C-alpha cells in the first residue's frame, strides 16, 4: 500500500512507521512539492499516485473526499486519524491496514482511526 501524509500530519507517526517497516512506501506532501496546497489538490495528487491519504484534518478533508466520490472521480482512500490518539496505537493500526488489506479495498473509502 502506498501512503501519503498530509502536511499537518504528526511526523512522529511517519517516523515510527518508517522505523517499524523500513520498506513502507510513505511520503509527506512536503516531500512532493505540495506544501500549502489545498485539500482538493492533495486528494487529486493522491489519486494520480494511487496513495491512501493519512490526515488529521477532520474539518475539511473528508468532505472533499466525499465530493470526489460523488463526482465519480477516483479516490484511493483516506485514513482520518484522531490527533488525540496515541502514536503507538496509530502506528499499529496503519501497519495492520497496510499489511493485511488489498489496496483496492480502500478505493473510495474514508476510515477513522484508531480502530479500537
Protein backbone atom coordinates (compact mmCIF):
# COMPACT_ATOMS: atom_id res chain seq x y z
CA UNK A 1 0.00 0.00 0.00
CA UNK A 2 1.30 3.43 -0.96
CA UNK A 3 0.67 6.21 1.56
CA UNK A 4 0.89 9.98 1.67
CA UNK A 5 0.83 12.00 4.90
CA UNK A 6 -0.98 15.33 4.88
CA UNK A 7 1.01 18.47 5.67
CA UNK A 8 -0.16 18.74 9.27
CA UNK A 9 0.17 15.03 9.95
CA UNK A 10 2.13 14.04 13.06
CA UNK A 11 5.69 13.37 11.88
CA UNK A 12 6.30 11.10 14.89
CA UNK A 13 3.81 8.68 13.31
CA UNK A 14 5.55 8.85 9.92
CA UNK A 15 8.93 8.30 11.56
CA UNK A 16 7.55 5.42 13.64
CA UNK A 17 6.06 3.75 10.55
CA UNK A 18 9.42 4.00 8.79
CA UNK A 19 11.26 2.59 11.80
CA UNK A 20 8.91 -0.36 12.18
CA UNK A 21 8.76 -1.09 8.43
CA UNK A 22 11.70 0.47 6.60
CA UNK A 23 10.26 -0.67 3.26
CA UNK A 24 6.92 1.13 3.79
CA UNK A 25 6.05 3.37 0.86
CA UNK A 26 5.11 6.66 2.52
CA UNK A 27 5.77 10.25 1.51
CA UNK A 28 4.72 13.55 3.02
CA UNK A 29 3.04 16.22 0.93
CA UNK A 30 6.03 18.44 1.76
CA UNK A 31 8.32 15.88 0.08
CA UNK A 32 6.45 16.08 -3.22
CA UNK A 33 6.13 19.85 -3.55
CA UNK A 34 2.61 20.24 -2.18
CA UNK A 35 3.38 22.40 0.86
CA UNK A 36 0.45 24.74 1.40
CA UNK A 37 -1.71 23.02 -1.24
CA UNK A 38 -5.48 22.98 -0.78
CA UNK A 39 -7.20 19.73 0.18
CA UNK A 40 -8.69 19.09 -3.30
CA UNK A 41 -5.21 19.43 -4.85
CA UNK A 42 -3.76 16.95 -2.35
CA UNK A 43 -6.59 14.48 -2.98
CA UNK A 44 -6.13 14.79 -6.75
CA UNK A 45 -2.38 14.17 -6.41
CA UNK A 46 -3.03 11.17 -4.12
CA UNK A 47 -5.44 9.78 -6.73
CA UNK A 48 -2.92 10.25 -9.54
CA UNK A 49 -0.26 8.48 -7.48
CA UNK A 50 -2.68 5.85 -6.06
CA UNK A 51 -1.74 6.73 -2.48
CA UNK A 52 -4.00 6.42 0.54
CA UNK A 53 -4.01 9.72 2.45
CA UNK A 54 -3.22 9.91 6.16
CA UNK A 55 -4.67 13.04 7.72
CA UNK A 56 -5.70 14.65 11.00
CA UNK A 57 -7.87 17.18 9.13
CA UNK A 58 -11.32 16.34 10.45
CA UNK A 59 -12.66 19.75 9.43
CA UNK A 60 -12.48 19.52 5.64
CA UNK A 61 -10.56 16.60 4.13
CA UNK A 62 -13.36 14.01 4.40
CA UNK A 63 -15.83 16.47 2.85
CA UNK A 64 -13.59 16.99 -0.19
CA UNK A 65 -13.00 13.24 -0.44
CA UNK A 66 -16.75 12.58 -0.45
CA UNK A 67 -17.17 15.28 -3.11
CA UNK A 68 -14.61 13.48 -5.32
CA UNK A 69 -16.52 10.24 -4.91
CA UNK A 70 -19.85 11.94 -5.69
CA UNK A 71 -18.36 13.32 -8.94
CA UNK A 72 -17.20 9.84 -9.89
CA UNK A 73 -13.52 10.73 -9.55
CA UNK A 74 -11.09 8.10 -8.31
CA UNK A 75 -10.19 8.41 -4.66
CA UNK A 76 -7.68 5.86 -3.30
CA UNK A 77 -8.82 6.25 0.30
CA UNK A 78 -8.44 8.47 3.33
CA UNK A 79 -7.48 7.43 6.83
CA UNK A 80 -8.58 10.22 9.14
CA UNK A 81 -6.70 9.90 12.41
CA UNK A 82 -7.75 11.48 15.67
CA UNK A 83 -4.96 13.78 16.86
CA UNK A 84 -5.52 12.68 20.45
CA UNK A 85 -4.73 9.04 19.63
CA UNK A 86 -1.53 7.55 20.91
CA UNK A 87 1.28 7.49 18.37
CA UNK A 88 1.90 3.81 19.13
CA UNK A 89 -1.75 2.85 18.50
CA UNK A 90 -1.87 4.76 15.22
CA UNK A 91 1.34 3.13 14.01
CA UNK A 92 -0.07 -0.30 14.85
CA UNK A 93 -3.37 0.45 13.08
CA UNK A 94 -1.75 1.84 9.94
CA UNK A 95 0.65 -1.11 9.72
CA UNK A 96 -2.23 -3.54 10.21
CA UNK A 97 -4.19 -1.89 7.40
CA UNK A 98 -1.18 -1.67 5.09
CA UNK A 99 -0.13 -5.27 5.63
CA UNK A 100 -3.50 -7.02 5.85
CA UNK A 101 -5.62 -5.41 3.18
CA UNK A 102 -5.61 -5.08 -0.56
CA UNK A 103 -5.05 -1.60 -1.94
CA UNK A 104 -8.32 -1.80 -3.88
CA UNK A 105 -10.24 -2.29 -0.62
CA UNK A 106 -9.59 1.36 0.19
CA UNK A 107 -10.81 2.83 -3.11
CA UNK A 108 -13.47 5.46 -2.40
CA UNK A 109 -13.36 4.79 1.36
CA UNK A 110 -12.84 7.06 4.30
CA UNK A 111 -11.99 5.36 7.57
CA UNK A 112 -11.42 6.77 11.01
CA UNK A 113 -8.65 5.69 13.34
CA UNK A 114 -7.97 4.46 15.92
CA UNK A 115 -9.61 1.16 15.10
CA UNK A 116 -10.24 0.41 18.79
